[in-house]
Structures are given as structure tokens and as C-alpha cells.
Amino acid sequence: MFLIIDDSETDRLITRILLEESYSNHEVVDVESANKGIEWLKNNIPEERMCILLDIKMPELNGFEFLNLYEELPESVKQNTTIFMISSTLDPNDIQRANDHLHVRKLLEKPFDPASISI
């Protein structure tokens, strides 16, 4: 299963298409904000492995603020999820923060190669 969290409708659509073409046997869910992503996770605790594709730059809450809220979720959620941050950022601070974060497996540049992720 994949959860896409991105404020850009176009980027969500492109990411969805890439994932559905590469992982046709996995469900893909997308939400347009970090708040909705947290709410979705609270209401749909994953029972199977899930990848979260998290945009860095979003209004209201950015990707790093999402990660702060993610820390407060039950261990059962965190044990079954892998987070990949996705961004077109060139900001070295964002890149370093993403690469250093405990729950982020990898920072991927938009558009990303689906083969660079694994569930």
C-alpha cells in the first residue's frame, strides 16, 4: 500500500500513475495535506507494509511538521510504514534534514523512479 501526501494535484496524479504502473497489486491512496495524512493514518492503522510518499513543501504543515506529528502515532503505525520524502527542493538544509531523520528512508527527487522505493 502507498499513501501519497502532496499538496499538488498534478504531482499526486503523476505519482499515482507511476506507482500504479509499477506496483499494480498495491493500493494507492492520496491526500492533499499533512493534516489529512495524519488523520488518514489515525483512522486506517496499516496492517500490512505501507510506503508513505511525503512532499516537503506544503502549506499549513510541511513535510517535517508532518514527521513531528507522525512521532506521536502508535508504534503499530510506525512499525508498518516506510517514509520516502519527495521534493524538487535544492535547499541543502532540507536535503540534510530529510537524510538525517530517523523515520525517513530516503529523499527522492520529483519525479522519482518507482524502482528506487521498496515496500
PDB file of N, CA and C in Angstrom:
ATOM      1  N   MET A   1       0.842  -1.176   0.000  1.00  0.00           N
ATOM      2  CA  MET A   1       0.000   0.000   0.000  1.00  0.00           C
ATOM      3  C   MET A   1       0.886   1.237   0.000  1.00  0.00           C
ATOM      4  N   PHE A   2       0.395   2.277  -0.674  1.00  0.00           N
ATOM      5  CA  PHE A   2       1.091   3.553  -0.738  1.00  0.00           C
ATOM      6  C   PHE A   2       0.159   4.666  -0.290  1.00  0.00           C
ATOM      7  N   LEU A   3       0.704   5.604   0.470  1.00  0.00           N
ATOM      8  CA  LEU A   3      -0.006   6.824   0.845  1.00  0.00           C
ATOM      9  C   LEU A   3       0.808   7.999   0.328  1.00  0.00           C
ATOM     10  N   ILE A   4       0.212   8.755  -0.596  1.00  0.00           N
ATOM     11  CA  ILE A   4       0.859   9.941  -1.155  1.00  0.00           C
ATOM     12  C   ILE A   4       0.326  11.155  -0.403  1.00  0.00           C
ATOM     13  N   ILE A   5       1.232  11.970   0.131  1.00  0.00           N
ATOM     14  CA  ILE A   5       0.853  13.204   0.822  1.00  0.00           C
ATOM     15  C   ILE A   5       1.536  14.352   0.092  1.00  0.00           C
ATOM     16  N   ASP A   6       0.751  15.099  -0.675  1.00  0.00           N
ATOM     17  CA  ASP A   6       1.304  16.164  -1.510  1.00  0.00           C
ATOM     18  C   ASP A   6       0.202  17.174  -1.797  1.00  0.00           C
ATOM     19  N   ASP A   7       0.502  18.454  -1.668  1.00  0.00           N
ATOM     20  CA  ASP A   7      -0.500  19.489  -1.908  1.00  0.00           C
ATOM     21  C   ASP A   7      -0.751  19.730  -3.392  1.00  0.00           C
ATOM     22  N   SER A   8       0.128  19.277  -4.262  1.00  0.00           N
ATOM     23  CA  SER A   8      -0.022  19.495  -5.699  1.00  0.00           C
ATOM     24  C   SER A   8      -0.846  18.369  -6.322  1.00  0.00           C
ATOM     25  N   GLU A   9      -1.994  18.731  -6.871  1.00  0.00           N
ATOM     26  CA  GLU A   9      -2.855  17.737  -7.519  1.00  0.00           C
ATOM     27  C   GLU A   9      -2.125  17.067  -8.683  1.00  0.00           C
ATOM     28  N   THR A  10      -1.373  17.843  -9.444  1.00  0.00           N
ATOM     29  CA  THR A  10      -0.631  17.297 -10.581  1.00  0.00           C
ATOM     30  C   THR A  10       0.418  16.298 -10.114  1.00  0.00           C
ATOM     31  N   ASP A  11       1.174  16.663  -9.075  1.00  0.00           N
ATOM     32  CA  ASP A  11       2.201  15.751  -8.559  1.00  0.00           C
ATOM     33  C   ASP A  11       1.586  14.484  -7.979  1.00  0.00           C
ATOM     34  N   ARG A  12       0.436  14.611  -7.308  1.00  0.00           N
ATOM     35  CA  ARG A  12      -0.241  13.419  -6.789  1.00  0.00           C
ATOM     36  C   ARG A  12      -0.654  12.499  -7.933  1.00  0.00           C
ATOM     37  N   LEU A  13      -1.177  13.079  -9.006  1.00  0.00           N
ATOM     38  CA  LEU A  13      -1.606  12.282 -10.152  1.00  0.00           C
ATOM     39  C   LEU A  13      -0.419  11.576 -10.804  1.00  0.00           C
ATOM     40  N   ILE A  14       0.674  12.302 -11.022  1.00  0.00           N
ATOM     41  CA  ILE A  14       1.863  11.697 -11.628  1.00  0.00           C
ATOM     42  C   ILE A  14       2.406  10.579 -10.745  1.00  0.00           C
ATOM     43  N   THR A  15       2.490  10.825  -9.443  1.00  0.00           N
ATOM     44  CA  THR A  15       2.990   9.817  -8.505  1.00  0.00           C
ATOM     45  C   THR A  15       2.086   8.604  -8.499  1.00  0.00           C
ATOM     46  N   ARG A  16       0.779   8.826  -8.494  1.00  0.00           N
ATOM     47  CA  ARG A  16      -0.186   7.720  -8.524  1.00  0.00           C
ATOM     48  C   ARG A  16       0.007   6.865  -9.777  1.00  0.00           C
ATOM     49  N   ILE A  17       0.127   7.511 -10.925  1.00  0.00           N
ATOM     50  CA  ILE A  17       0.302   6.775 -12.184  1.00  0.00           C
ATOM     51  C   ILE A  17       1.593   5.963 -12.156  1.00  0.00           C
ATOM     52  N   LEU A  18       2.687   6.578 -11.706  1.00  0.00           N
ATOM     53  CA  LEU A  18       3.961   5.863 -11.619  1.00  0.00           C
ATOM     54  C   LEU A  18       3.844   4.631 -10.725  1.00  0.00           C
ATOM     55  N   LEU A  19       3.204   4.799  -9.579  1.00  0.00           N
ATOM     56  CA  LEU A  19       3.071   3.681  -8.637  1.00  0.00           C
ATOM     57  C   LEU A  19       2.142   2.598  -9.173  1.00  0.00           C
ATOM     58  N   GLU A  20       1.016   2.996  -9.738  1.00  0.00           N
ATOM     59  CA  GLU A  20       0.064   2.010 -10.245  1.00  0.00           C
ATOM     60  C   GLU A  20       0.640   1.217 -11.407  1.00  0.00           C
ATOM     61  N   GLU A  21       1.481   1.848 -12.232  1.00  0.00           N
ATOM     62  CA  GLU A  21       2.114   1.129 -13.333  1.00  0.00           C
ATOM     63  C   GLU A  21       3.185   0.162 -12.829  1.00  0.00           C
ATOM     64  N   SER A  22       3.889   0.537 -11.779  1.00  0.00           N
ATOM     65  CA  SER A  22       4.989  -0.277 -11.269  1.00  0.00           C
ATOM     66  C   SER A  22       4.565  -1.287 -10.208  1.00  0.00           C
ATOM     67  N   TYR A  23       3.510  -0.967  -9.463  1.00  0.00           N
ATOM     68  CA  TYR A  23       3.067  -1.809  -8.349  1.00  0.00           C
ATOM     69  C   TYR A  23       1.563  -2.032  -8.465  1.00  0.00           C
ATOM     70  N   SER A  24       1.147  -2.675  -9.525  1.00  0.00           N
ATOM     71  CA  SER A  24      -0.285  -2.807  -9.816  1.00  0.00           C
ATOM     72  C   SER A  24      -1.052  -3.597  -8.757  1.00  0.00           C
ATOM     73  N   ASN A  25      -0.369  -4.377  -7.967  1.00  0.00           N
ATOM     74  CA  ASN A  25      -1.052  -5.167  -6.943  1.00  0.00           C
ATOM     75  C   ASN A  25      -1.109  -4.462  -5.581  1.00  0.00           C
ATOM     76  N   HIS A  26      -0.744  -3.171  -5.539  1.00  0.00           N
ATOM     77  CA  HIS A  26      -0.783  -2.407  -4.291  1.00  0.00           C
ATOM     78  C   HIS A  26      -1.793  -1.265  -4.397  1.00  0.00           C
ATOM     79  N   GLU A  27      -2.511  -1.048  -3.324  1.00  0.00           N
ATOM     80  CA  GLU A  27      -3.458   0.063  -3.265  1.00  0.00           C
ATOM     81  C   GLU A  27      -2.688   1.381  -3.137  1.00  0.00           C
ATOM     82  N   VAL A  28      -3.205   2.428  -3.796  1.00  0.00           N
ATOM     83  CA  VAL A  28      -2.609   3.762  -3.714  1.00  0.00           C
ATOM     84  C   VAL A  28      -3.678   4.730  -3.219  1.00  0.00           C
ATOM     85  N   VAL A  29      -3.373   5.423  -2.121  1.00  0.00           N
ATOM     86  CA  VAL A  29      -4.258   6.430  -1.544  1.00  0.00           C
ATOM     87  C   VAL A  29      -3.506   7.751  -1.600  1.00  0.00           C
ATOM     88  N   ASP A  30      -4.216   8.844  -1.882  1.00  0.00           N
ATOM     89  CA  ASP A  30      -3.540  10.138  -1.850  1.00  0.00           C
ATOM     90  C   ASP A  30      -4.378  11.162  -1.114  1.00  0.00           C
ATOM     91  N   VAL A  31      -3.675  12.042  -0.412  1.00  0.00           N
ATOM     92  CA  VAL A  31      -4.303  13.145   0.318  1.00  0.00           C
ATOM     93  C   VAL A  31      -3.527  14.413   0.011  1.00  0.00           C
ATOM     94  N   GLU A  32      -4.208  15.571   0.172  1.00  0.00           N
ATOM     95  CA  GLU A  32      -3.614  16.838  -0.260  1.00  0.00           C
ATOM     96  C   GLU A  32      -2.948  17.647   0.837  1.00  0.00           C
ATOM     97  N   SER A  33      -2.838  17.105   2.039  1.00  0.00           N
ATOM     98  CA  SER A  33      -2.175  17.866   3.100  1.00  0.00           C
ATOM     99  C   SER A  33      -1.604  16.937   4.162  1.00  0.00           C
ATOM    100  N   ALA A  34      -0.650  17.483   4.907  1.00  0.00           N
ATOM    101  CA  ALA A  34      -0.046  16.726   6.000  1.00  0.00           C
ATOM    102  C   ALA A  34      -1.083  16.403   7.072  1.00  0.00           C
ATOM    103  N   ASN A  35      -1.968  17.359   7.365  1.00  0.00           N
ATOM    104  CA  ASN A  35      -3.023  17.106   8.353  1.00  0.00           C
ATOM    105  C   ASN A  35      -3.906  15.940   7.935  1.00  0.00           C
ATOM    106  N   LYS A  36      -4.293  15.913   6.662  1.00  0.00           N
ATOM    107  CA  LYS A  36      -5.132  14.816   6.177  1.00  0.00           C
ATOM    108  C   LYS A  36      -4.373  13.497   6.181  1.00  0.00           C
ATOM    109  N   GLY A  37      -3.073  13.559   5.961  1.00  0.00           N
ATOM    110  CA  GLY A  37      -2.264  12.344   6.032  1.00  0.00           C
ATOM    111  C   GLY A  37      -2.227  11.769   7.438  1.00  0.00           C
ATOM    112  N   ILE A  38      -2.050  12.628   8.428  1.00  0.00           N
ATOM    113  CA  ILE A  38      -2.062  12.169   9.826  1.00  0.00           C
ATOM    114  C   ILE A  38      -3.434  11.603  10.183  1.00  0.00           C
ATOM    115  N   GLU A  39      -4.488  12.302   9.804  1.00  0.00           N
ATOM    116  CA  GLU A  39      -5.848  11.810  10.086  1.00  0.00           C
ATOM    117  C   GLU A  39      -6.096  10.474   9.417  1.00  0.00           C
ATOM    118  N   TRP A  40      -5.646  10.330   8.180  1.00  0.00           N
ATOM    119  CA  TRP A  40      -5.831   9.065   7.473  1.00  0.00           C
ATOM    120  C   TRP A  40      -5.120   7.942   8.229  1.00  0.00           C
ATOM    121  N   LEU A  41      -3.897   8.192   8.666  1.00  0.00           N
ATOM    122  CA  LEU A  41      -3.144   7.160   9.394  1.00  0.00           C
ATOM    123  C   LEU A  41      -3.816   6.810  10.720  1.00  0.00           C
ATOM    124  N   LYS A  42      -4.369   7.797  11.408  1.00  0.00           N
ATOM    125  CA  LYS A  42      -5.055   7.532  12.678  1.00  0.00           C
ATOM    126  C   LYS A  42      -6.295   6.673  12.469  1.00  0.00           C
ATOM    127  N   ASN A  43      -6.966   6.858  11.335  1.00  0.00           N
ATOM    128  CA  ASN A  43      -8.213   6.137  11.069  1.00  0.00           C
ATOM    129  C   ASN A  43      -8.016   4.848  10.283  1.00  0.00           C
ATOM    130  N   ASN A  44      -6.830   4.615   9.786  1.00  0.00           N
ATOM    131  CA  ASN A  44      -6.551   3.445   8.947  1.00  0.00           C
ATOM    132  C   ASN A  44      -5.207   2.841   9.320  1.00  0.00           C
ATOM    133  N   ILE A  45      -5.090   2.387  10.549  1.00  0.00           N
ATOM    134  CA  ILE A  45      -3.817   1.836  11.008  1.00  0.00           C
ATOM    135  C   ILE A  45      -3.436   0.675  10.092  1.00  0.00           C
ATOM    136  N   PRO A  46      -2.275   0.770   9.447  1.00  0.00           N
ATOM    137  CA  PRO A  46      -1.896  -0.252   8.469  1.00  0.00           C
ATOM    138  C   PRO A  46      -1.616  -1.606   9.123  1.00  0.00           C
ATOM    139  N   GLU A  47      -2.194  -2.632   8.532  1.00  0.00           N
ATOM    140  CA  GLU A  47      -1.943  -3.997   8.993  1.00  0.00           C
ATOM    141  C   GLU A  47      -0.883  -4.664   8.140  1.00  0.00           C
ATOM    142  N   GLU A  48      -0.575  -4.053   7.019  1.00  0.00           N
ATOM    143  CA  GLU A  48       0.465  -4.550   6.122  1.00  0.00           C
ATOM    144  C   GLU A  48       1.476  -3.434   5.893  1.00  0.00           C
ATOM    145  N   ARG A  49       2.576  -3.777   5.262  1.00  0.00           N
ATOM    146  CA  ARG A  49       3.600  -2.773   4.970  1.00  0.00           C
ATOM    147  C   ARG A  49       3.020  -1.666   4.103  1.00  0.00           C
ATOM    148  N   MET A  50       3.402  -0.435   4.404  1.00  0.00           N
ATOM    149  CA  MET A  50       2.923   0.709   3.652  1.00  0.00           C
ATOM    150  C   MET A  50       4.062   1.691   3.468  1.00  0.00           C
ATOM    151  N   CYS A  51       4.139   2.269   2.267  1.00  0.00           N
ATOM    152  CA  CYS A  51       5.087   3.338   1.982  1.00  0.00           C
ATOM    153  C   CYS A  51       4.338   4.657   1.967  1.00  0.00           C
ATOM    154  N   ILE A  52       4.895   5.629   2.652  1.00  0.00           N
ATOM    155  CA  ILE A  52       4.362   6.986   2.626  1.00  0.00           C
ATOM    156  C   ILE A  52       5.304   7.811   1.755  1.00  0.00           C
ATOM    157  N   LEU A  53       4.737   8.476   0.749  1.00  0.00           N
ATOM    158  CA  LEU A  53       5.495   9.382  -0.108  1.00  0.00           C
ATOM    159  C   LEU A  53       5.095  10.782   0.305  1.00  0.00           C
ATOM    160  N   LEU A  54       5.991  11.477   0.966  1.00  0.00           N
ATOM    161  CA  LEU A  54       5.705  12.724   1.659  1.00  0.00           C
ATOM    162  C   LEU A  54       6.423  13.897   1.014  1.00  0.00           C
ATOM    163  N   ASP A  55       5.644  14.866   0.538  1.00  0.00           N
ATOM    164  CA  ASP A  55       6.215  16.087  -0.017  1.00  0.00           C
ATOM    165  C   ASP A  55       6.796  16.930   1.117  1.00  0.00           C
ATOM    166  N   ILE A  56       7.853  17.664   0.840  1.00  0.00           N
ATOM    167  CA  ILE A  56       8.447  18.544   1.854  1.00  0.00           C
ATOM    168  C   ILE A  56       7.707  19.869   1.926  1.00  0.00           C
ATOM    169  N   LYS A  57       7.544  20.520   0.804  1.00  0.00           N
ATOM    170  CA  LYS A  57       6.975  21.877   0.764  1.00  0.00           C
ATOM    171  C   LYS A  57       5.464  21.818   0.589  1.00  0.00           C
ATOM    172  N   MET A  58       4.734  22.107   1.676  1.00  0.00           N
ATOM    173  CA  MET A  58       3.273  22.151   1.650  1.00  0.00           C
ATOM    174  C   MET A  58       2.813  23.292   2.550  1.00  0.00           C
ATOM    175  N   PRO A  59       1.661  23.890   2.232  1.00  0.00           N
ATOM    176  CA  PRO A  59       1.121  24.926   3.123  1.00  0.00           C
ATOM    177  C   PRO A  59       0.577  24.294   4.410  1.00  0.00           C
ATOM    178  N   GLU A  60       0.239  25.092   5.354  1.00  0.00           N
ATOM    179  CA  GLU A  60      -0.243  24.665   6.681  1.00  0.00           C
ATOM    180  C   GLU A  60       0.851  23.909   7.415  1.00  0.00           C
ATOM    181  N   LEU A  61       1.017  22.639   7.126  1.00  0.00           N
ATOM    182  CA  LEU A  61       2.089  21.833   7.722  1.00  0.00           C
ATOM    183  C   LEU A  61       2.982  21.323   6.608  1.00  0.00           C
ATOM    184  N   ASN A  62       4.284  21.520   6.730  1.00  0.00           N
ATOM    185  CA  ASN A  62       5.186  20.967   5.720  1.00  0.00           C
ATOM    186  C   ASN A  62       5.530  19.515   6.082  1.00  0.00           C
ATOM    187  N   GLY A  63       6.340  18.896   5.262  1.00  0.00           N
ATOM    188  CA  GLY A  63       6.688  17.500   5.490  1.00  0.00           C
ATOM    189  C   GLY A  63       7.383  17.247   6.820  1.00  0.00           C
ATOM    190  N   PHE A  64       8.221  18.183   7.246  1.00  0.00           N
ATOM    191  CA  PHE A  64       8.921  17.999   8.523  1.00  0.00           C
ATOM    192  C   PHE A  64       7.967  18.147   9.708  1.00  0.00           C
ATOM    193  N   GLU A  65       6.998  19.026   9.578  1.00  0.00           N
ATOM    194  CA  GLU A  65       5.983  19.161  10.635  1.00  0.00           C
ATOM    195  C   GLU A  65       5.107  17.906  10.686  1.00  0.00           C
ATOM    196  N   PHE A  66       4.838  17.305   9.525  1.00  0.00           N
ATOM    197  CA  PHE A  66       4.139  16.017   9.497  1.00  0.00           C
ATOM    198  C   PHE A  66       4.927  14.989  10.298  1.00  0.00           C
ATOM    199  N   LEU A  67       6.248  14.955  10.088  1.00  0.00           N
ATOM    200  CA  LEU A  67       7.077  13.978  10.792  1.00  0.00           C
ATOM    201  C   LEU A  67       7.005  14.155  12.307  1.00  0.00           C
ATOM    202  N   ASN A  68       6.892  15.393  12.782  1.00  0.00           N
ATOM    203  CA  ASN A  68       6.742  15.630  14.222  1.00  0.00           C
ATOM    204  C   ASN A  68       5.446  15.007  14.738  1.00  0.00           C
ATOM    205  N   LEU A  69       4.364  15.150  13.981  1.00  0.00           N
ATOM    206  CA  LEU A  69       3.084  14.549  14.380  1.00  0.00           C
ATOM    207  C   LEU A  69       3.125  13.028  14.229  1.00  0.00           C
ATOM    208  N   TYR A  70       3.822  12.560  13.229  1.00  0.00           N
ATOM    209  CA  TYR A  70       3.977  11.120  12.991  1.00  0.00           C
ATOM    210  C   TYR A  70       4.630  10.450  14.200  1.00  0.00           C
ATOM    211  N   GLU A  71       5.576  11.143  14.827  1.00  0.00           N
ATOM    212  CA  GLU A  71       6.264  10.616  16.013  1.00  0.00           C
ATOM    213  C   GLU A  71       5.281  10.257  17.126  1.00  0.00           C
ATOM    214  N   GLU A  72       4.148  10.956  17.181  1.00  0.00           N
ATOM    215  CA  GLU A  72       3.160  10.750  18.240  1.00  0.00           C
ATOM    216  C   GLU A  72       2.189   9.607  17.936  1.00  0.00           C
ATOM    217  N   LEU A  73       2.239   9.043  16.729  1.00  0.00           N
ATOM    218  CA  LEU A  73       1.337   7.949  16.361  1.00  0.00           C
ATOM    219  C   LEU A  73       1.744   6.669  17.078  1.00  0.00           C
ATOM    220  N   PRO A  74       0.827   5.732  17.204  1.00  0.00           N
ATOM    221  CA  PRO A  74       1.148   4.462  17.870  1.00  0.00           C
ATOM    222  C   PRO A  74       2.289   3.720  17.169  1.00  0.00           C
ATOM    223  N   GLU A  75       3.019   2.956  17.940  1.00  0.00           N
ATOM    224  CA  GLU A  75       4.129   2.174  17.385  1.00  0.00           C
ATOM    225  C   GLU A  75       3.646   1.236  16.288  1.00  0.00           C
ATOM    226  N   SER A  76       2.417   0.748  16.382  1.00  0.00           N
ATOM    227  CA  SER A  76       1.889  -0.160  15.359  1.00  0.00           C
ATOM    228  C   SER A  76       1.851   0.503  13.986  1.00  0.00           C
ATOM    229  N   VAL A  77       1.662   1.804  13.949  1.00  0.00           N
ATOM    230  CA  VAL A  77       1.689   2.536  12.680  1.00  0.00           C
ATOM    231  C   VAL A  77       3.125   2.649  12.194  1.00  0.00           C
ATOM    232  N   LYS A  78       4.012   3.081  13.067  1.00  0.00           N
ATOM    233  CA  LYS A  78       5.402   3.322  12.674  1.00  0.00           C
ATOM    234  C   LYS A  78       6.121   2.031  12.277  1.00  0.00           C
ATOM    235  N   GLN A  79       5.754   0.918  12.879  1.00  0.00           N
ATOM    236  CA  GLN A  79       6.408  -0.348  12.560  1.00  0.00           C
ATOM    237  C   GLN A  79       6.061  -0.836  11.161  1.00  0.00           C
ATOM    238  N   ASN A  80       4.898  -0.445  10.667  1.00  0.00           N
ATOM    239  CA  ASN A  80       4.446  -0.931   9.358  1.00  0.00           C
ATOM    240  C   ASN A  80       4.602   0.086   8.238  1.00  0.00           C
ATOM    241  N   THR A  81       5.233   1.214   8.502  1.00  0.00           N
ATOM    242  CA  THR A  81       5.353   2.228   7.466  1.00  0.00           C
ATOM    243  C   THR A  81       6.815   2.579   7.189  1.00  0.00           C
ATOM    244  N   THR A  82       7.050   2.920   5.949  1.00  0.00           N
ATOM    245  CA  THR A  82       8.337   3.429   5.499  1.00  0.00           C
ATOM    246  C   THR A  82       8.065   4.756   4.819  1.00  0.00           C
ATOM    247  N   ILE A  83       8.821   5.783   5.180  1.00  0.00           N
ATOM    248  CA  ILE A  83       8.587   7.108   4.619  1.00  0.00           C
ATOM    249  C   ILE A  83       9.703   7.472   3.649  1.00  0.00           C
ATOM    250  N   PHE A  84       9.268   7.879   2.458  1.00  0.00           N
ATOM    251  CA  PHE A  84      10.154   8.464   1.463  1.00  0.00           C
ATOM    252  C   PHE A  84       9.693   9.898   1.278  1.00  0.00           C
ATOM    253  N   MET A  85      10.578  10.853   1.476  1.00  0.00           N
ATOM    254  CA  MET A  85      10.225  12.243   1.194  1.00  0.00           C
ATOM    255  C   MET A  85      10.449  12.472  -0.288  1.00  0.00           C
ATOM    256  N   ILE A  86       9.546  13.225  -0.895  1.00  0.00           N
ATOM    257  CA  ILE A  86       9.662  13.542  -2.316  1.00  0.00           C
ATOM    258  C   ILE A  86       9.641  15.060  -2.459  1.00  0.00           C
ATOM    259  N   SER A  87      10.544  15.569  -3.274  1.00  0.00           N
ATOM    260  CA  SER A  87      10.626  17.018  -3.390  1.00  0.00           C
ATOM    261  C   SER A  87      11.454  17.402  -4.605  1.00  0.00           C
ATOM    262  N   SER A  88      11.277  18.621  -5.019  1.00  0.00           N
ATOM    263  CA  SER A  88      12.136  19.197  -6.052  1.00  0.00           C
ATOM    264  C   SER A  88      13.063  20.228  -5.427  1.00  0.00           C
ATOM    265  N   THR A  89      13.185  20.213  -4.112  1.00  0.00           N
ATOM    266  CA  THR A  89      13.993  21.194  -3.392  1.00  0.00           C
ATOM    267  C   THR A  89      15.476  21.075  -3.736  1.00  0.00           C
ATOM    268  N   LEU A  90      16.109  22.214  -3.758  1.00  0.00           N
ATOM    269  CA  LEU A  90      17.565  22.269  -3.890  1.00  0.00           C
ATOM    270  C   LEU A  90      18.197  22.788  -2.605  1.00  0.00           C
ATOM    271  N   ASP A  91      17.359  23.057  -1.606  1.00  0.00           N
ATOM    272  CA  ASP A  91      17.820  23.601  -0.330  1.00  0.00           C
ATOM    273  C   ASP A  91      18.642  22.538   0.407  1.00  0.00           C
ATOM    274  N   PRO A  92      19.934  22.789   0.602  1.00  0.00           N
ATOM    275  CA  PRO A  92      20.770  21.794   1.273  1.00  0.00           C
ATOM    276  C   PRO A  92      20.303  21.473   2.694  1.00  0.00           C
ATOM    277  N   ASN A  93      19.672  22.432   3.374  1.00  0.00           N
ATOM    278  CA  ASN A  93      19.161  22.160   4.725  1.00  0.00           C
ATOM    279  C   ASN A  93      18.023  21.154   4.685  1.00  0.00           C
ATOM    280  N   ASP A  94      17.111  21.296   3.722  1.00  0.00           N
ATOM    281  CA  ASP A  94      16.021  20.328   3.582  1.00  0.00           C
ATOM    282  C   ASP A  94      16.564  18.934   3.266  1.00  0.00           C
ATOM    283  N   ILE A  95      17.516  18.897   2.361  1.00  0.00           N
ATOM    284  CA  ILE A  95      18.098  17.611   1.971  1.00  0.00           C
ATOM    285  C   ILE A  95      18.763  16.945   3.166  1.00  0.00           C
ATOM    286  N   GLN A  96      19.534  17.717   3.930  1.00  0.00           N
ATOM    287  CA  GLN A  96      20.213  17.160   5.107  1.00  0.00           C
ATOM    288  C   GLN A  96      19.214  16.710   6.164  1.00  0.00           C
ATOM    289  N   ARG A  97      18.195  17.540   6.433  1.00  0.00           N
ATOM    290  CA  ARG A  97      17.186  17.176   7.435  1.00  0.00           C
ATOM    291  C   ARG A  97      16.463  15.886   7.054  1.00  0.00           C
ATOM    292  N   ALA A  98      16.118  15.756   5.782  1.00  0.00           N
ATOM    293  CA  ALA A  98      15.432  14.540   5.329  1.00  0.00           C
ATOM    294  C   ALA A  98      16.346  13.328   5.474  1.00  0.00           C
ATOM    295  N   ASN A  99      17.581  13.463   5.038  1.00  0.00           N
ATOM    296  CA  ASN A  99      18.512  12.334   5.101  1.00  0.00           C
ATOM    297  C   ASN A  99      18.862  11.937   6.525  1.00  0.00           C
ATOM    298  N   ASP A 100      18.801  12.887   7.458  1.00  0.00           N
ATOM    299  CA  ASP A 100      19.156  12.606   8.850  1.00  0.00           C
ATOM    300  C   ASP A 100      17.988  12.117   9.700  1.00  0.00           C
ATOM    301  N   HIS A 101      16.763  12.234   9.202  1.00  0.00           N
ATOM    302  CA  HIS A 101      15.603  11.923  10.028  1.00  0.00           C
ATOM    303  C   HIS A 101      15.457  10.413  10.250  1.00  0.00           C
ATOM    304  N   LEU A 102      15.188  10.041  11.468  1.00  0.00           N
ATOM    305  CA  LEU A 102      15.057   8.643  11.869  1.00  0.00           C
ATOM    306  C   LEU A 102      14.043   7.871  11.034  1.00  0.00           C
ATOM    307  N   HIS A 103      12.915   8.493  10.712  1.00  0.00           N
ATOM    308  CA  HIS A 103      11.845   7.767  10.022  1.00  0.00           C
ATOM    309  C   HIS A 103      11.848   7.924   8.511  1.00  0.00           C
ATOM    310  N   VAL A 104      12.782   8.666   7.975  1.00  0.00           N
ATOM    311  CA  VAL A 104      12.824   8.859   6.525  1.00  0.00           C
ATOM    312  C   VAL A 104      13.860   7.910   5.931  1.00  0.00           C
ATOM    313  N   ARG A 105      13.392   7.040   5.049  1.00  0.00           N
ATOM    314  CA  ARG A 105      14.310   6.094   4.407  1.00  0.00           C
ATOM    315  C   ARG A 105      15.209   6.806   3.409  1.00  0.00           C
ATOM    316  N   LYS A 106      14.590   7.736   2.629  1.00  0.00           N
ATOM    317  CA  LYS A 106      15.350   8.373   1.567  1.00  0.00           C
ATOM    318  C   LYS A 106      14.589   9.587   1.050  1.00  0.00           C
ATOM    319  N   LEU A 107      15.321  10.576   0.546  1.00  0.00           N
ATOM    320  CA  LEU A 107      14.721  11.717  -0.140  1.00  0.00           C
ATOM    321  C   LEU A 107      14.817  11.448  -1.632  1.00  0.00           C
ATOM    322  N   LEU A 108      13.661  11.509  -2.302  1.00  0.00           N
ATOM    323  CA  LEU A 108      13.601  11.268  -3.742  1.00  0.00           C
ATOM    324  C   LEU A 108      13.257  12.560  -4.463  1.00  0.00           C
ATOM    325  N   GLU A 109      13.901  12.782  -5.588  1.00  0.00           N
ATOM    326  CA  GLU A 109      13.642  13.976  -6.377  1.00  0.00           C
ATOM    327  C   GLU A 109      12.436  13.732  -7.280  1.00  0.00           C
ATOM    328  N   LYS A 110      11.544  14.744  -7.357  1.00  0.00           N
ATOM    329  CA  LYS A 110      10.374  14.659  -8.228  1.00  0.00           C
ATOM    330  C   LYS A 110      10.788  14.891  -9.668  1.00  0.00           C
ATOM    331  N   PRO A 111      10.208  14.202 -10.609  1.00  0.00           N
ATOM    332  CA  PRO A 111       9.503  12.935 -10.459  1.00  0.00           C
ATOM    333  C   PRO A 111      10.505  11.829 -10.168  1.00  0.00           C
ATOM    334  N   PHE A 112      10.113  10.868  -9.385  1.00  0.00           N
ATOM    335  CA  PHE A 112      11.047   9.839  -8.947  1.00  0.00           C
ATOM    336  C   PHE A 112      10.873   8.554  -9.770  1.00  0.00           C
ATOM    337  N   ASP A 113      11.873   7.715  -9.678  1.00  0.00           N
ATOM    338  CA  ASP A 113      11.846   6.403 -10.323  1.00  0.00           C
ATOM    339  C   ASP A 113      11.224   5.423  -9.336  1.00  0.00           C
ATOM    340  N   PRO A 114      10.073   4.820  -9.672  1.00  0.00           N
ATOM    341  CA  PRO A 114       9.432   3.878  -8.737  1.00  0.00           C
ATOM    342  C   PRO A 114      10.328   2.725  -8.313  1.00  0.00           C
ATOM    343  N   ALA A 115      11.312   2.383  -9.117  1.00  0.00           N
ATOM    344  CA  ALA A 115      12.229   1.300  -8.745  1.00  0.00           C
ATOM    345  C   ALA A 115      13.120   1.689  -7.574  1.00  0.00           C
ATOM    346  N   SER A 116      13.172   2.999  -7.241  1.00  0.00           N
ATOM    347  CA  SER A 116      14.024   3.454  -6.136  1.00  0.00           C
ATOM    348  C   SER A 116      13.366   3.289  -4.778  1.00  0.00           C
ATOM    349  N   ILE A 117      12.129   2.802  -4.754  1.00  0.00           N
ATOM    350  CA  ILE A 117      11.454   2.551  -3.476  1.00  0.00           C
ATOM    351  C   ILE A 117      11.144   1.069  -3.341  1.00  0.00           C
ATOM    352  N   SER A 118      10.983   0.642  -2.124  1.00  0.00           N
ATOM    353  CA  SER A 118      10.602  -0.742  -1.866  1.00  0.00           C
ATOM    354  C   SER A 118       9.692  -0.787  -0.662  1.00  0.00           C
ATOM    355  N   ILE A 119       8.770  -1.677  -0.702  1.00  0.00           N
ATOM    356  CA  ILE A 119       7.837  -1.819   0.426  1.00  0.00           C
ATOM    357  C   ILE A 119       8.412  -2.819   1.402  1.00  0.00           C
TER     358      ILE A 119
END
